[in-house]
Amino acid sequence: MSNTDSPSLKVKSILVSQPRPESDKSPYFELAKKYTIKIDFRPFIKVDGVHARDFRKDKINIAEHTAVLFNSRNAIDHFFRMCEEMRVEMPIDTKYFCISENIGVYVQKYIQMRKRKIFFGAGKMEDLLPYMMKHKAENFLMPCSDVMNAGFVAEASKISIAIKQAVMFRTVSSDLSDLADIKYDMLAFFSPSGIKSLFENFPDFTQGTTRIAGFGSQTHAAILEHNLRLDIPAPTPEAPSMTMAIEAYLKKVNK
């Protein structure tokens, strides 16, 4: 992926490191139309599920946990896949703590929400800590990838809440070699794995004046650790979503 030294400060093209949205009503398409810009989508990572036989080696008893923490759709999909493979049926009184309302709603794909106790955050796992404090007696399980959220677990530990992280899927870098000679004015990342994939595919990548947007504190840290400039951080109180953060930036530079 190449960079030029002096592209226009205006943003004319954005590469979002996620799959193309299924709905035509996605805010990304509204941004593209409103600001007359090109927005492409390309997953920088792919997810491989951990097989039940390998998960058993970790000696984690899913059924003994009374509360489950979800921070992504992948975590939900692979948790219930693992339950099915291991023939585990979660009791009806199991509590589910979800990073956002959208993630909470997605749980309905597998359970009937009206019969369950589900708690929502506002986009950050730390938002769930006050709810977890009220349910400290629960035995918390957090389905996750091999890239674990150590910061959140450490914060929970400070208030005497123990969380068992269960690796149920792994993130693998996608092959992006076909993008080697393509230039984008902005790259949008959503996980440290996306940054890792960028450098695995393009070890000599230099940012130049390419703008970088990052969602989540872990992603922000990964961007800075690779000596990149974080131009558009999200979420923020003013811009709780990536599209809102990008639009706020476009309003300034695409005048």
Protein backbone atom coordinates (compact mmCIF):
# COMPACT_ATOMS: atom_id res chain seq x y z
CA MET A 1 0.00 0.00 0.00
CA SER A 2 1.65 3.19 -1.13
CA ASN A 3 1.62 6.72 0.22
CA THR A 4 2.38 9.96 -1.54
CA ASP A 5 3.96 12.84 0.32
CA SER A 6 1.49 15.57 -0.48
CA PRO A 7 -2.07 14.45 -1.26
CA SER A 8 -4.88 16.94 -0.77
CA LEU A 9 -5.89 17.52 2.81
CA LYS A 10 -9.41 16.73 1.69
CA VAL A 11 -10.46 13.13 2.11
CA LYS A 12 -11.60 11.58 -1.15
CA SER A 13 -11.26 7.90 -0.32
CA ILE A 14 -11.57 5.76 2.81
CA LEU A 15 -10.74 2.09 3.36
CA VAL A 16 -12.73 0.54 6.22
CA SER A 17 -11.03 -2.58 7.56
CA GLN A 18 -14.29 -4.47 8.00
CA PRO A 19 -16.70 -6.38 5.75
CA ARG A 20 -19.10 -4.37 3.61
CA PRO A 21 -22.31 -3.67 5.59
CA GLU A 22 -25.21 -5.90 4.66
CA SER A 23 -27.72 -3.06 4.79
CA ASP A 24 -27.79 -0.36 2.13
CA LYS A 25 -28.88 2.02 4.90
CA SER A 26 -25.47 1.91 6.58
CA PRO A 27 -24.19 5.31 7.77
CA TYR A 28 -21.06 4.69 5.67
CA PHE A 29 -23.06 4.86 2.46
CA GLU A 30 -24.74 8.04 3.67
CA LEU A 31 -21.30 9.55 4.31
CA ALA A 32 -20.09 8.56 0.85
CA LYS A 33 -23.09 10.21 -0.76
CA LYS A 34 -23.13 13.32 1.43
CA TYR A 35 -19.42 14.13 0.97
CA THR A 36 -18.99 12.60 -2.52
CA ILE A 37 -16.21 10.30 -1.40
CA LYS A 38 -15.25 6.72 -2.17
CA ILE A 39 -15.57 4.26 0.72
CA ASP A 40 -14.30 0.70 0.25
CA PHE A 41 -14.54 -2.19 2.69
CA ARG A 42 -11.97 -4.91 3.19
CA PRO A 43 -11.60 -7.16 6.26
CA PHE A 44 -8.00 -6.97 7.46
CA ILE A 45 -8.51 -10.05 9.61
CA LYS A 46 -10.48 -13.26 9.42
CA VAL A 47 -11.78 -15.31 12.30
CA ASP A 48 -11.17 -19.04 12.77
CA GLY A 49 -13.16 -20.87 15.42
CA VAL A 50 -11.34 -22.94 18.03
CA HIS A 51 -12.43 -26.58 17.80
CA ALA A 52 -14.12 -28.06 20.85
CA ARG A 53 -11.40 -30.68 21.25
CA ASP A 54 -8.79 -27.92 21.53
CA PHE A 55 -10.98 -25.82 23.83
CA ARG A 56 -11.25 -28.75 26.24
CA LYS A 57 -7.48 -28.56 26.76
CA ASP A 58 -8.03 -25.26 28.60
CA LYS A 59 -10.20 -27.15 31.13
CA ILE A 60 -12.87 -24.44 31.23
CA ASN A 61 -16.29 -25.59 32.37
CA ILE A 62 -18.75 -23.34 30.53
CA ALA A 63 -21.74 -24.63 32.50
CA GLU A 64 -20.35 -23.54 35.86
CA HIS A 65 -20.48 -19.88 34.84
CA THR A 66 -23.58 -17.87 35.69
CA ALA A 67 -22.82 -14.72 33.68
CA VAL A 68 -21.34 -14.21 30.21
CA LEU A 69 -19.63 -11.08 28.85
CA PHE A 70 -19.88 -10.25 25.14
CA ASN A 71 -17.84 -7.58 23.34
CA SER A 72 -18.57 -8.57 19.72
CA ARG A 73 -20.79 -10.59 17.43
CA ASN A 74 -17.91 -12.98 16.91
CA ALA A 75 -17.84 -13.65 20.64
CA ILE A 76 -21.58 -14.40 20.60
CA ASP A 77 -21.42 -16.64 17.53
CA HIS A 78 -18.51 -18.69 18.80
CA PHE A 79 -19.81 -18.94 22.36
CA PHE A 80 -23.07 -20.51 21.26
CA ARG A 81 -21.26 -22.61 18.66
CA MET A 82 -19.01 -23.96 21.39
CA CYS A 83 -22.01 -24.63 23.63
CA GLU A 84 -23.60 -26.63 20.83
CA GLU A 85 -20.43 -28.58 20.07
CA MET A 86 -19.94 -29.40 23.75
CA ARG A 87 -23.65 -30.02 24.32
CA VAL A 88 -23.90 -27.32 26.97
CA GLU A 89 -27.25 -25.63 27.53
CA MET A 90 -27.04 -22.41 29.49
CA PRO A 91 -29.68 -22.11 32.26
CA ILE A 92 -32.50 -19.66 31.73
CA ASP A 93 -31.27 -17.52 34.64
CA THR A 94 -27.84 -16.94 33.04
CA LYS A 95 -27.04 -13.23 32.90
CA TYR A 96 -25.55 -11.65 29.76
CA PHE A 97 -23.49 -8.44 29.86
CA CYS A 98 -23.01 -6.84 26.43
CA ILE A 99 -20.70 -4.02 25.34
CA SER A 100 -23.57 -2.22 23.57
CA GLU A 101 -27.27 -2.47 22.93
CA ASN A 102 -26.64 -3.61 19.36
CA ILE A 103 -24.55 -6.51 20.61
CA GLY A 104 -27.23 -7.28 23.18
CA VAL A 105 -29.90 -7.37 20.51
CA TYR A 106 -27.73 -9.76 18.46
CA VAL A 107 -27.90 -12.27 21.33
CA GLN A 108 -31.55 -12.75 20.35
CA LYS A 109 -30.28 -14.79 17.42
CA TYR A 110 -29.64 -17.56 19.95
CA ILE A 111 -31.93 -16.92 22.93
CA GLN A 112 -35.28 -15.31 23.74
CA MET A 113 -34.42 -11.99 25.33
CA ARG A 114 -37.70 -11.68 27.23
CA LYS A 115 -36.76 -14.69 29.30
CA ARG A 116 -33.19 -13.58 29.99
CA LYS A 117 -31.39 -10.94 32.00
CA ILE A 118 -29.29 -8.80 29.66
CA PHE A 119 -27.29 -5.69 30.53
CA PHE A 120 -25.98 -3.16 27.98
CA GLY A 121 -22.93 -0.93 27.96
CA ALA A 122 -22.54 2.21 25.86
CA GLY A 123 -19.73 0.97 23.63
CA LYS A 124 -16.97 0.20 26.13
CA MET A 125 -16.58 -2.89 28.28
CA GLU A 126 -15.77 -0.64 31.25
CA ASP A 127 -19.36 0.65 31.04
CA LEU A 128 -20.46 -2.74 32.35
CA LEU A 129 -18.50 -2.56 35.59
CA PRO A 130 -21.26 -0.76 37.58
CA TYR A 131 -23.75 -3.47 36.56
CA MET A 132 -21.25 -6.19 37.39
CA MET A 133 -20.69 -4.64 40.81
CA LYS A 134 -24.36 -5.22 41.55
CA HIS A 135 -23.93 -8.88 40.59
CA LYS A 136 -20.53 -9.64 42.11
CA ALA A 137 -21.68 -13.08 43.22
CA GLU A 138 -21.91 -14.23 39.60
CA ASN A 139 -19.24 -16.42 38.03
CA PHE A 140 -18.19 -14.41 34.94
CA LEU A 141 -17.04 -15.94 31.65
CA MET A 142 -15.75 -13.85 28.74
CA PRO A 143 -15.61 -15.62 25.34
CA CYS A 144 -12.80 -13.98 23.39
CA SER A 145 -10.20 -14.29 20.67
CA ASP A 146 -6.54 -15.02 21.23
CA VAL A 147 -6.13 -11.22 21.47
CA MET A 148 -7.47 -10.80 24.99
CA ASN A 149 -8.78 -7.66 26.68
CA ALA A 150 -6.30 -7.64 29.56
CA GLY A 151 -7.06 -4.02 30.49
CA PHE A 152 -10.73 -4.61 31.16
CA VAL A 153 -10.03 -7.77 33.16
CA ALA A 154 -7.49 -5.85 35.24
CA GLU A 155 -10.00 -3.06 35.94
CA ALA A 156 -12.58 -5.63 37.03
CA SER A 157 -10.02 -7.27 39.30
CA LYS A 158 -9.45 -3.95 41.09
CA ILE A 159 -13.04 -4.08 42.31
CA SER A 160 -12.79 -7.77 43.21
CA ILE A 161 -14.58 -9.11 40.15
CA ALA A 162 -12.90 -12.17 38.65
CA ILE A 163 -13.39 -12.85 34.93
CA LYS A 164 -12.45 -16.10 33.21
CA GLN A 165 -11.40 -15.44 29.63
CA ALA A 166 -12.16 -18.31 27.26
CA VAL A 167 -10.43 -18.33 23.86
CA MET A 168 -13.08 -19.61 21.44
CA PHE A 169 -11.81 -18.05 18.20
CA ARG A 170 -8.57 -16.76 16.74
CA THR A 171 -7.85 -13.80 14.51
CA VAL A 172 -5.68 -14.31 11.45
CA SER A 173 -4.39 -11.63 9.10
CA SER A 174 -6.01 -11.49 5.66
CA ASP A 175 -3.99 -11.43 2.45
CA LEU A 176 -4.03 -7.79 1.30
CA SER A 177 -1.34 -8.05 -1.36
CA ASP A 178 -3.72 -6.80 -4.05
CA LEU A 179 -3.86 -3.43 -2.26
CA ALA A 180 -0.11 -2.84 -2.56
CA ASP A 181 -0.38 -0.09 -5.16
CA ILE A 182 -3.69 1.43 -4.05
CA LYS A 183 -3.78 4.73 -2.18
CA TYR A 184 -6.46 5.75 0.31
CA ASP A 185 -6.70 9.09 2.09
CA MET A 186 -7.98 7.41 5.25
CA LEU A 187 -7.75 3.98 6.87
CA ALA A 188 -10.25 2.98 9.57
CA PHE A 189 -9.28 0.33 12.15
CA PHE A 190 -11.32 -1.41 14.81
CA SER A 191 -8.89 -3.71 16.59
CA PRO A 192 -5.18 -4.19 17.31
CA SER A 193 -5.36 -7.21 14.98
CA GLY A 194 -6.17 -4.88 12.09
CA ILE A 195 -3.00 -2.89 12.76
CA LYS A 196 -1.02 -6.12 13.02
CA SER A 197 -2.40 -7.24 9.67
CA LEU A 198 -1.43 -3.90 8.08
CA PHE A 199 2.22 -4.40 8.98
CA GLU A 200 2.27 -8.12 8.25
CA ASN A 201 1.07 -7.32 4.74
CA PHE A 202 3.06 -4.10 4.33
CA PRO A 203 6.13 -4.15 6.61
CA ASP A 204 7.44 -0.92 5.11
CA PHE A 205 4.19 1.02 5.49
CA THR A 206 4.68 4.69 6.29
CA GLN A 207 1.73 6.88 7.11
CA GLY A 208 2.71 10.16 5.54
CA THR A 209 -0.46 12.23 5.25
CA THR A 210 -2.78 9.23 5.22
CA ARG A 211 -5.33 9.81 7.96
CA ILE A 212 -5.91 6.96 10.43
CA ALA A 213 -9.12 6.42 12.37
CA GLY A 214 -9.20 4.00 15.28
CA PHE A 215 -12.07 2.64 17.35
CA GLY A 216 -11.48 1.62 20.96
CA SER A 217 -8.69 2.20 23.46
CA GLN A 218 -6.84 -0.98 22.55
CA THR A 219 -6.84 -0.01 18.89
CA HIS A 220 -5.60 3.48 19.80
CA ALA A 221 -2.73 1.94 21.77
CA ALA A 222 -1.77 -0.37 18.90
CA ILE A 223 -1.73 2.56 16.45
CA LEU A 224 0.58 4.58 18.69
CA GLU A 225 2.80 1.57 19.46
CA HIS A 226 3.49 1.28 15.74
CA ASN A 227 4.51 4.97 15.63
CA LEU A 228 1.46 5.92 13.61
CA ARG A 229 -0.55 9.12 14.02
CA LEU A 230 -4.08 8.70 15.35
CA ASP A 231 -6.07 11.36 13.51
CA ILE A 232 -9.62 10.26 14.30
CA PRO A 233 -10.14 8.58 17.70
CA ALA A 234 -13.48 6.95 18.49
CA PRO A 235 -15.61 6.59 20.45
CA THR A 236 -15.79 9.99 22.11
CA PRO A 237 -18.65 11.66 24.01
CA GLU A 238 -19.34 13.76 20.91
CA ALA A 239 -18.92 10.88 18.45
CA PRO A 240 -19.87 7.50 19.96
CA SER A 241 -19.59 5.69 16.60
CA MET A 242 -16.85 5.46 14.00
CA THR A 243 -19.02 7.02 11.29
CA MET A 244 -19.84 9.99 13.53
CA ALA A 245 -16.15 10.51 14.31
CA ILE A 246 -15.24 10.33 10.62
CA GLU A 247 -18.00 12.78 9.70
CA ALA A 248 -16.82 15.27 12.32
CA TYR A 249 -13.38 15.12 10.69
CA LEU A 250 -14.80 15.43 7.17
CA LYS A 251 -16.70 18.55 8.18
CA LYS A 252 -13.37 20.18 9.01
CA VAL A 253 -11.24 19.10 6.05
CA ASN A 254 -13.75 18.67 3.21
CA LYS A 255 -15.07 22.21 3.26
